[in-house]
Amino acid sequence: MSQPQSSNPPEMASLLLGAGFALASLIILPAVAQKIGMGSSLTIALRGALMRAANRF
């Protein structure tokens, strides 16, 4: 019997972390920023920081 192939755990963790950062920067951050009244330039700066962090993993 052959065993099912599974992803390398560090690769899966990196994928999930990157997806989490992308979700936060595209959906969660703008919603929170609108709710608390944060300026658009600060929101864009935070989004850029999150996307750079996602690219590191």
N, C-alpha and C. Protein backbone atom coordinates (compact mmCIF):
# COMPACT_ATOMS: atom_id res chain seq x y z
N MET A 1 0.84 -1.17 0.00
CA MET A 1 0.00 0.00 0.00
C MET A 1 0.89 1.24 0.00
N SER A 2 0.49 2.19 -0.77
CA SER A 2 1.24 3.44 -0.78
C SER A 2 0.58 4.45 0.14
N GLN A 3 1.41 5.26 0.74
CA GLN A 3 0.89 6.27 1.63
C GLN A 3 0.59 7.54 0.84
N PRO A 4 -0.43 8.28 1.24
CA PRO A 4 -0.74 9.53 0.53
C PRO A 4 0.37 10.55 0.73
N GLN A 5 0.62 11.31 -0.33
CA GLN A 5 1.65 12.33 -0.24
C GLN A 5 1.11 13.51 0.54
N SER A 6 1.97 14.08 1.37
CA SER A 6 1.58 15.26 2.13
C SER A 6 2.60 16.36 1.88
N SER A 7 2.17 17.59 2.06
CA SER A 7 3.06 18.72 1.87
C SER A 7 4.09 18.76 2.98
N ASN A 8 5.18 19.38 2.68
CA ASN A 8 6.20 19.60 3.68
C ASN A 8 5.64 20.56 4.73
N PRO A 9 5.66 20.22 6.01
CA PRO A 9 5.05 21.07 7.03
C PRO A 9 5.55 22.53 7.02
N PRO A 10 6.85 22.81 6.88
CA PRO A 10 7.25 24.22 6.84
C PRO A 10 6.68 24.96 5.63
N GLU A 11 6.55 24.28 4.50
CA GLU A 11 5.96 24.92 3.32
C GLU A 11 4.48 25.24 3.57
N MET A 12 3.78 24.35 4.20
CA MET A 12 2.36 24.58 4.49
C MET A 12 2.21 25.73 5.48
N ALA A 13 3.07 25.79 6.47
CA ALA A 13 3.01 26.88 7.44
C ALA A 13 3.27 28.22 6.77
N SER A 14 4.25 28.26 5.87
CA SER A 14 4.54 29.49 5.15
C SER A 14 3.37 29.90 4.27
N LEU A 15 2.76 28.93 3.63
CA LEU A 15 1.61 29.22 2.78
C LEU A 15 0.45 29.79 3.59
N LEU A 16 0.16 29.17 4.71
CA LEU A 16 -0.92 29.65 5.56
C LEU A 16 -0.63 31.03 6.14
N LEU A 17 0.62 31.25 6.53
CA LEU A 17 0.99 32.55 7.07
C LEU A 17 0.89 33.64 6.01
N GLY A 18 1.37 33.36 4.82
CA GLY A 18 1.26 34.32 3.72
C GLY A 18 -0.18 34.61 3.35
N ALA A 19 -1.01 33.57 3.33
CA ALA A 19 -2.43 33.76 3.04
C ALA A 19 -3.11 34.57 4.13
N GLY A 20 -2.71 34.35 5.36
CA GLY A 20 -3.27 35.13 6.47
C GLY A 20 -2.92 36.60 6.37
N PHE A 21 -1.67 36.90 6.01
CA PHE A 21 -1.26 38.29 5.84
C PHE A 21 -2.00 38.92 4.67
N ALA A 22 -2.17 38.19 3.59
CA ALA A 22 -2.89 38.73 2.44
C ALA A 22 -4.35 39.00 2.80
N LEU A 23 -4.98 38.08 3.50
CA LEU A 23 -6.36 38.28 3.93
C LEU A 23 -6.47 39.50 4.84
N ALA A 24 -5.54 39.61 5.76
CA ALA A 24 -5.57 40.75 6.69
C ALA A 24 -5.39 42.06 5.95
N SER A 25 -4.48 42.10 4.98
CA SER A 25 -4.21 43.37 4.32
C SER A 25 -5.30 43.75 3.33
N LEU A 26 -5.98 42.79 2.73
CA LEU A 26 -6.98 43.11 1.71
C LEU A 26 -8.40 43.24 2.26
N ILE A 27 -8.71 42.56 3.34
CA ILE A 27 -10.09 42.55 3.82
C ILE A 27 -10.20 43.10 5.24
N ILE A 28 -9.45 42.54 6.16
CA ILE A 28 -9.63 42.89 7.56
C ILE A 28 -9.12 44.30 7.87
N LEU A 29 -7.94 44.65 7.40
CA LEU A 29 -7.37 45.96 7.70
C LEU A 29 -8.25 47.11 7.21
N PRO A 30 -8.72 47.11 5.96
CA PRO A 30 -9.58 48.22 5.54
C PRO A 30 -10.89 48.30 6.33
N ALA A 31 -11.45 47.16 6.71
CA ALA A 31 -12.69 47.18 7.49
C ALA A 31 -12.46 47.78 8.87
N VAL A 32 -11.38 47.40 9.51
CA VAL A 32 -11.06 47.95 10.83
C VAL A 32 -10.72 49.43 10.71
N ALA A 33 -9.96 49.80 9.69
CA ALA A 33 -9.59 51.20 9.50
C ALA A 33 -10.82 52.07 9.30
N GLN A 34 -11.79 51.60 8.54
CA GLN A 34 -13.01 52.36 8.32
C GLN A 34 -13.80 52.48 9.62
N LYS A 35 -13.82 51.42 10.39
CA LYS A 35 -14.59 51.41 11.64
C LYS A 35 -14.03 52.42 12.64
N ILE A 36 -12.69 52.51 12.72
CA ILE A 36 -12.10 53.42 13.71
C ILE A 36 -11.77 54.79 13.13
N GLY A 37 -11.99 54.98 11.84
CA GLY A 37 -11.77 56.28 11.22
C GLY A 37 -10.32 56.58 10.89
N MET A 38 -9.54 55.58 10.58
CA MET A 38 -8.14 55.75 10.23
C MET A 38 -8.04 56.36 8.82
N GLY A 39 -7.07 57.21 8.62
CA GLY A 39 -6.89 57.83 7.32
C GLY A 39 -6.48 56.83 6.25
N SER A 40 -6.79 57.17 4.99
CA SER A 40 -6.52 56.23 3.90
C SER A 40 -5.02 56.07 3.67
N SER A 41 -4.23 57.12 3.87
CA SER A 41 -2.79 56.99 3.64
C SER A 41 -2.15 56.05 4.66
N LEU A 42 -2.61 56.11 5.90
CA LEU A 42 -2.10 55.19 6.92
C LEU A 42 -2.56 53.76 6.63
N THR A 43 -3.78 53.60 6.17
CA THR A 43 -4.28 52.28 5.81
C THR A 43 -3.46 51.68 4.68
N ILE A 44 -3.14 52.48 3.68
CA ILE A 44 -2.33 52.00 2.55
C ILE A 44 -0.93 51.62 3.02
N ALA A 45 -0.35 52.42 3.92
CA ALA A 45 0.98 52.11 4.45
C ALA A 45 0.97 50.79 5.23
N LEU A 46 -0.05 50.59 6.05
CA LEU A 46 -0.15 49.33 6.80
C LEU A 46 -0.37 48.14 5.87
N ARG A 47 -1.17 48.35 4.82
CA ARG A 47 -1.40 47.28 3.85
C ARG A 47 -0.09 46.91 3.16
N GLY A 48 0.69 47.90 2.79
CA GLY A 48 1.99 47.63 2.17
C GLY A 48 2.92 46.87 3.09
N ALA A 49 2.92 47.25 4.37
CA ALA A 49 3.77 46.55 5.35
C ALA A 49 3.35 45.09 5.51
N LEU A 50 2.05 44.84 5.55
CA LEU A 50 1.57 43.46 5.66
C LEU A 50 1.92 42.65 4.42
N MET A 51 1.82 43.24 3.24
CA MET A 51 2.15 42.51 2.02
C MET A 51 3.64 42.22 1.94
N ARG A 52 4.49 43.16 2.39
CA ARG A 52 5.93 42.88 2.43
C ARG A 52 6.23 41.76 3.41
N ALA A 53 5.55 41.75 4.54
CA ALA A 53 5.75 40.67 5.52
C ALA A 53 5.31 39.33 4.93
N ALA A 54 4.23 39.34 4.16
CA ALA A 54 3.76 38.10 3.53
C ALA A 54 4.77 37.58 2.52
N ASN A 55 5.45 38.46 1.82
CA ASN A 55 6.43 38.04 0.82
C ASN A 55 7.70 37.48 1.44
N ARG A 56 7.96 37.76 2.69
CA ARG A 56 9.16 37.24 3.35
C ARG A 56 9.05 35.75 3.66
N PHE A 57 7.83 35.26 3.73
CA PHE A 57 7.62 33.86 4.07
C PHE A 57 7.33 33.14 2.83
